[in-house]
Amino acid sequence: MTRIFILISAVFMLFSAPAYAQAGEPKPLDFGPKEKLTIQSKDKAHVFTVEVADTDELQARGMMYRDGVADDAGMLFEFAKPKVATIWMKNTGIPLDILFVRPNGRVLKIEHGAKPYSLRLSSSEAPVAAVVELRGGRARELGIRPGDIVSHDFFKTN
């Protein structure tokens, strides 16, 4: 009887493991190569390595399911054409600074320390070409403010 129980348990575990893995955290999306982005703030240039979210799928996923963001890392959301952008923090367990960027690369607005898992929408309130997400608190630490300039190849085409 014990052998039958062990055999049944082993078969159950063998077939249930893949289903359990699928039910957990979604598989990370491939954002491709990382790119350099610079934010010019007064007399200082702050260089970041960013993942580029330039498709609807990548933009919908954003920084969800991350454990953290390095001080010199971030994500750049590139829009096909300027729009009023809204961002939320669903399934995002880390605070983020959200920089709304005009087509000329100038920072329009910053949402500091967006709250993890919040369904509250953060809006650019005016058309922007892109959004940059950084580790929560990083913009204040570096003195980044609205009006600062974001440099990246994306802004040369707008």
C-alpha atoms as a PDB file:
ATOM      1  CA  MET A   1       0.000   0.000   0.000  1.00  0.00           C
ATOM      2  CA  THR A   2       2.839   2.403   0.851  1.00  0.00           C
ATOM      3  CA  ARG A   3       4.512   1.739  -2.521  1.00  0.00           C
ATOM      4  CA  ILE A   4       1.293   2.547  -4.386  1.00  0.00           C
ATOM      5  CA  PHE A   5       0.933   5.794  -2.426  1.00  0.00           C
ATOM      6  CA  ILE A   6       4.537   6.769  -3.217  1.00  0.00           C
ATOM      7  CA  LEU A   7       4.055   5.912  -6.906  1.00  0.00           C
ATOM      8  CA  ILE A   8       0.828   7.930  -7.132  1.00  0.00           C
ATOM      9  CA  SER A   9       2.449  10.859  -5.307  1.00  0.00           C
ATOM     10  CA  ALA A  10       5.448  10.784  -7.655  1.00  0.00           C
ATOM     11  CA  VAL A  11       3.217  10.757 -10.754  1.00  0.00           C
ATOM     12  CA  PHE A  12       1.124  13.603  -9.356  1.00  0.00           C
ATOM     13  CA  MET A  13       4.224  15.699  -8.606  1.00  0.00           C
ATOM     14  CA  LEU A  14       5.677  14.986 -12.056  1.00  0.00           C
ATOM     15  CA  PHE A  15       2.592  16.250 -13.882  1.00  0.00           C
ATOM     16  CA  SER A  16       1.691  19.089 -11.518  1.00  0.00           C
ATOM     17  CA  ALA A  17       5.114  20.802 -11.514  1.00  0.00           C
ATOM     18  CA  PRO A  18       4.776  22.369 -14.986  1.00  0.00           C
ATOM     19  CA  ALA A  19       1.286  23.656 -14.179  1.00  0.00           C
ATOM     20  CA  TYR A  20       2.538  25.169 -10.936  1.00  0.00           C
ATOM     21  CA  ALA A  21       5.415  26.910 -12.712  1.00  0.00           C
ATOM     22  CA  GLN A  22       3.002  28.390 -15.250  1.00  0.00           C
ATOM     23  CA  ALA A  23       0.717  29.684 -12.506  1.00  0.00           C
ATOM     24  CA  GLY A  24       3.538  31.620 -10.810  1.00  0.00           C
ATOM     25  CA  GLU A  25       5.272  34.810 -11.880  1.00  0.00           C
ATOM     26  CA  PRO A  26       5.116  35.468 -15.634  1.00  0.00           C
ATOM     27  CA  LYS A  27       8.201  34.771 -17.721  1.00  0.00           C
ATOM     28  CA  PRO A  28      10.351  37.901 -18.193  1.00  0.00           C
ATOM     29  CA  LEU A  29      10.008  39.596 -21.560  1.00  0.00           C
ATOM     30  CA  ASP A  30      13.054  40.087 -23.728  1.00  0.00           C
ATOM     31  CA  PHE A  31      13.699  43.825 -23.919  1.00  0.00           C
ATOM     32  CA  GLY A  32      16.693  43.299 -26.197  1.00  0.00           C
ATOM     33  CA  PRO A  33      19.965  45.165 -25.830  1.00  0.00           C
ATOM     34  CA  LYS A  34      20.305  47.840 -23.193  1.00  0.00           C
ATOM     35  CA  GLU A  35      20.982  51.387 -24.356  1.00  0.00           C
ATOM     36  CA  LYS A  36      22.578  54.503 -22.872  1.00  0.00           C
ATOM     37  CA  LEU A  37      20.380  57.461 -21.907  1.00  0.00           C
ATOM     38  CA  THR A  38      21.649  60.714 -20.390  1.00  0.00           C
ATOM     39  CA  ILE A  39      19.729  63.273 -18.351  1.00  0.00           C
ATOM     40  CA  GLN A  40      21.337  66.708 -18.325  1.00  0.00           C
ATOM     41  CA  SER A  41      20.433  68.456 -15.069  1.00  0.00           C
ATOM     42  CA  LYS A  42      22.006  71.881 -14.583  1.00  0.00           C
ATOM     43  CA  ASP A  43      25.738  71.294 -15.018  1.00  0.00           C
ATOM     44  CA  LYS A  44      25.665  67.509 -14.446  1.00  0.00           C
ATOM     45  CA  ALA A  45      25.064  64.673 -16.894  1.00  0.00           C
ATOM     46  CA  HIS A  46      23.524  61.548 -15.370  1.00  0.00           C
ATOM     47  CA  VAL A  47      24.038  58.406 -17.478  1.00  0.00           C
ATOM     48  CA  PHE A  48      21.673  55.428 -17.253  1.00  0.00           C
ATOM     49  CA  THR A  49      21.504  52.065 -18.971  1.00  0.00           C
ATOM     50  CA  VAL A  50      17.886  51.542 -20.008  1.00  0.00           C
ATOM     51  CA  GLU A  51      15.738  48.794 -21.394  1.00  0.00           C
ATOM     52  CA  VAL A  52      13.612  50.102 -24.258  1.00  0.00           C
ATOM     53  CA  ALA A  53       9.874  49.395 -24.227  1.00  0.00           C
ATOM     54  CA  ASP A  54       8.846  50.235 -27.783  1.00  0.00           C
ATOM     55  CA  THR A  55       5.977  47.787 -28.357  1.00  0.00           C
ATOM     56  CA  ASP A  56       2.533  47.586 -26.760  1.00  0.00           C
ATOM     57  CA  GLU A  57       3.450  44.290 -25.076  1.00  0.00           C
ATOM     58  CA  LEU A  58       6.666  45.641 -23.566  1.00  0.00           C
ATOM     59  CA  GLN A  59       4.972  48.865 -22.456  1.00  0.00           C
ATOM     60  CA  ALA A  60       2.113  46.964 -20.809  1.00  0.00           C
ATOM     61  CA  ARG A  61       4.637  44.863 -18.846  1.00  0.00           C
ATOM     62  CA  GLY A  62       7.106  47.645 -18.026  1.00  0.00           C
ATOM     63  CA  MET A  63       8.864  47.084 -14.692  1.00  0.00           C
ATOM     64  CA  MET A  64       6.333  44.576 -13.363  1.00  0.00           C
ATOM     65  CA  TYR A  65       7.655  41.577 -11.435  1.00  0.00           C
ATOM     66  CA  ARG A  66      11.065  43.111 -10.692  1.00  0.00           C
ATOM     67  CA  ASP A  67      12.958  42.813  -7.424  1.00  0.00           C
ATOM     68  CA  GLY A  68      14.762  46.107  -7.849  1.00  0.00           C
ATOM     69  CA  VAL A  69      16.319  48.666 -10.157  1.00  0.00           C
ATOM     70  CA  ALA A  70      19.996  49.585 -10.073  1.00  0.00           C
ATOM     71  CA  ASP A  71      20.907  53.221  -9.430  1.00  0.00           C
ATOM     72  CA  ASP A  72      22.187  53.604 -12.998  1.00  0.00           C
ATOM     73  CA  ALA A  73      19.397  51.624 -14.695  1.00  0.00           C
ATOM     74  CA  GLY A  74      15.894  52.310 -15.914  1.00  0.00           C
ATOM     75  CA  MET A  75      13.375  51.832 -18.678  1.00  0.00           C
ATOM     76  CA  LEU A  76      12.481  54.045 -21.628  1.00  0.00           C
ATOM     77  CA  PHE A  77       8.940  53.820 -22.992  1.00  0.00           C
ATOM     78  CA  GLU A  78       8.964  55.096 -26.590  1.00  0.00           C
ATOM     79  CA  PHE A  79       5.623  56.092 -28.097  1.00  0.00           C
ATOM     80  CA  ALA A  80       4.940  56.005 -31.856  1.00  0.00           C
ATOM     81  CA  LYS A  81       3.503  59.511 -31.614  1.00  0.00           C
ATOM     82  CA  PRO A  82       3.119  61.998 -28.738  1.00  0.00           C
ATOM     83  CA  LYS A  83       0.172  61.329 -26.434  1.00  0.00           C
ATOM     84  CA  VAL A  84      -1.105  61.977 -22.942  1.00  0.00           C
ATOM     85  CA  ALA A  85       0.539  59.051 -21.174  1.00  0.00           C
ATOM     86  CA  THR A  86      -0.769  57.254 -18.115  1.00  0.00           C
ATOM     87  CA  ILE A  87       1.224  54.795 -16.022  1.00  0.00           C
ATOM     88  CA  TRP A  88       0.139  52.554 -13.149  1.00  0.00           C
ATOM     89  CA  MET A  89       2.050  50.309 -10.756  1.00  0.00           C
ATOM     90  CA  LYS A  90      -0.019  47.119 -10.981  1.00  0.00           C
ATOM     91  CA  ASN A  91       2.210  44.110 -10.237  1.00  0.00           C
ATOM     92  CA  THR A  92       5.186  46.413  -9.693  1.00  0.00           C
ATOM     93  CA  GLY A  93       6.652  45.777  -6.250  1.00  0.00           C
ATOM     94  CA  ILE A  94       9.279  48.527  -6.276  1.00  0.00           C
ATOM     95  CA  PRO A  95       8.799  52.304  -6.033  1.00  0.00           C
ATOM     96  CA  LEU A  96       9.648  54.165  -9.234  1.00  0.00           C
ATOM     97  CA  ASP A  97      10.256  57.728 -10.350  1.00  0.00           C
ATOM     98  CA  ILE A  98       8.305  58.339 -13.545  1.00  0.00           C
ATOM     99  CA  LEU A  99       9.621  61.046 -15.867  1.00  0.00           C
ATOM    100  CA  PHE A 100       7.260  62.225 -18.605  1.00  0.00           C
ATOM    101  CA  VAL A 101       9.336  63.490 -21.554  1.00  0.00           C
ATOM    102  CA  ARG A 102       8.303  65.809 -24.401  1.00  0.00           C
ATOM    103  CA  PRO A 103       9.300  65.093 -28.039  1.00  0.00           C
ATOM    104  CA  ASN A 104      12.263  67.496 -27.743  1.00  0.00           C
ATOM    105  CA  GLY A 105      13.666  65.460 -24.812  1.00  0.00           C
ATOM    106  CA  ARG A 106      12.682  67.983 -22.146  1.00  0.00           C
ATOM    107  CA  VAL A 107      11.237  66.517 -18.919  1.00  0.00           C
ATOM    108  CA  LEU A 108       7.658  67.776 -18.565  1.00  0.00           C
ATOM    109  CA  LYS A 109       6.740  66.245 -15.211  1.00  0.00           C
ATOM    110  CA  ILE A 110       8.054  63.789 -12.618  1.00  0.00           C
ATOM    111  CA  GLU A 111       5.990  61.447 -10.468  1.00  0.00           C
ATOM    112  CA  HIS A 112       8.315  60.811  -7.517  1.00  0.00           C
ATOM    113  CA  GLY A 113       8.253  57.446  -5.749  1.00  0.00           C
ATOM    114  CA  ALA A 114       5.180  55.942  -7.402  1.00  0.00           C
ATOM    115  CA  LYS A 115       3.711  53.530  -4.859  1.00  0.00           C
ATOM    116  CA  PRO A 116       4.191  49.792  -5.489  1.00  0.00           C
ATOM    117  CA  TYR A 117       1.098  47.817  -6.578  1.00  0.00           C
ATOM    118  CA  SER A 118      -1.022  50.968  -6.846  1.00  0.00           C
ATOM    119  CA  LEU A 119      -3.794  51.061  -9.433  1.00  0.00           C
ATOM    120  CA  ARG A 120      -3.797  54.871  -9.322  1.00  0.00           C
ATOM    121  CA  LEU A 121      -2.976  56.325 -12.724  1.00  0.00           C
ATOM    122  CA  SER A 122      -0.122  58.808 -13.033  1.00  0.00           C
ATOM    123  CA  SER A 123      -0.734  61.078 -16.014  1.00  0.00           C
ATOM    124  CA  SER A 124       1.555  63.288 -18.059  1.00  0.00           C
ATOM    125  CA  GLU A 125      -1.403  65.717 -18.328  1.00  0.00           C
ATOM    126  CA  ALA A 126      -0.037  66.880 -21.720  1.00  0.00           C
ATOM    127  CA  PRO A 127       1.284  65.034 -24.772  1.00  0.00           C
ATOM    128  CA  VAL A 128       4.683  63.374 -24.332  1.00  0.00           C
ATOM    129  CA  ALA A 129       6.841  61.254 -26.628  1.00  0.00           C
ATOM    130  CA  ALA A 130       8.271  59.011 -23.933  1.00  0.00           C
ATOM    131  CA  VAL A 131       8.393  58.002 -20.290  1.00  0.00           C
ATOM    132  CA  VAL A 132      11.540  57.157 -18.354  1.00  0.00           C
ATOM    133  CA  GLU A 133      11.280  55.037 -15.204  1.00  0.00           C
ATOM    134  CA  LEU A 134      14.056  55.107 -12.603  1.00  0.00           C
ATOM    135  CA  ARG A 135      14.465  53.647  -9.131  1.00  0.00           C
ATOM    136  CA  GLY A 136      12.143  55.441  -6.717  1.00  0.00           C
ATOM    137  CA  GLY A 137      13.875  58.446  -5.156  1.00  0.00           C
ATOM    138  CA  ARG A 138      16.654  58.572  -7.730  1.00  0.00           C
ATOM    139  CA  ALA A 139      15.444  61.756  -9.481  1.00  0.00           C
ATOM    140  CA  ARG A 140      15.515  63.720  -6.209  1.00  0.00           C
ATOM    141  CA  GLU A 141      18.884  62.251  -5.212  1.00  0.00           C
ATOM    142  CA  LEU A 142      20.378  63.516  -8.477  1.00  0.00           C
ATOM    143  CA  GLY A 143      18.478  66.806  -8.572  1.00  0.00           C
ATOM    144  CA  ILE A 144      16.604  65.901 -11.767  1.00  0.00           C
ATOM    145  CA  ARG A 145      13.728  68.327 -12.340  1.00  0.00           C
ATOM    146  CA  PRO A 146      11.126  69.241 -14.963  1.00  0.00           C
ATOM    147  CA  GLY A 147      12.872  71.148 -17.735  1.00  0.00           C
ATOM    148  CA  ASP A 148      15.982  68.925 -17.687  1.00  0.00           C
ATOM    149  CA  ILE A 149      17.005  67.337 -20.996  1.00  0.00           C
ATOM    150  CA  VAL A 150      16.921  63.615 -21.780  1.00  0.00           C
ATOM    151  CA  SER A 151      19.377  62.581 -24.503  1.00  0.00           C
ATOM    152  CA  HIS A 152      18.860  59.341 -26.399  1.00  0.00           C
ATOM    153  CA  ASP A 153      18.721  58.410 -30.109  1.00  0.00           C
ATOM    154  CA  PHE A 154      14.911  58.239 -29.892  1.00  0.00           C
ATOM    155  CA  PHE A 155      14.611  61.988 -29.402  1.00  0.00           C
ATOM    156  CA  LYS A 156      16.687  62.762 -32.500  1.00  0.00           C
ATOM    157  CA  THR A 157      13.907  61.350 -34.681  1.00  0.00           C
ATOM    158  CA  ASN A 158      11.068  63.383 -33.155  1.00  0.00           C
END
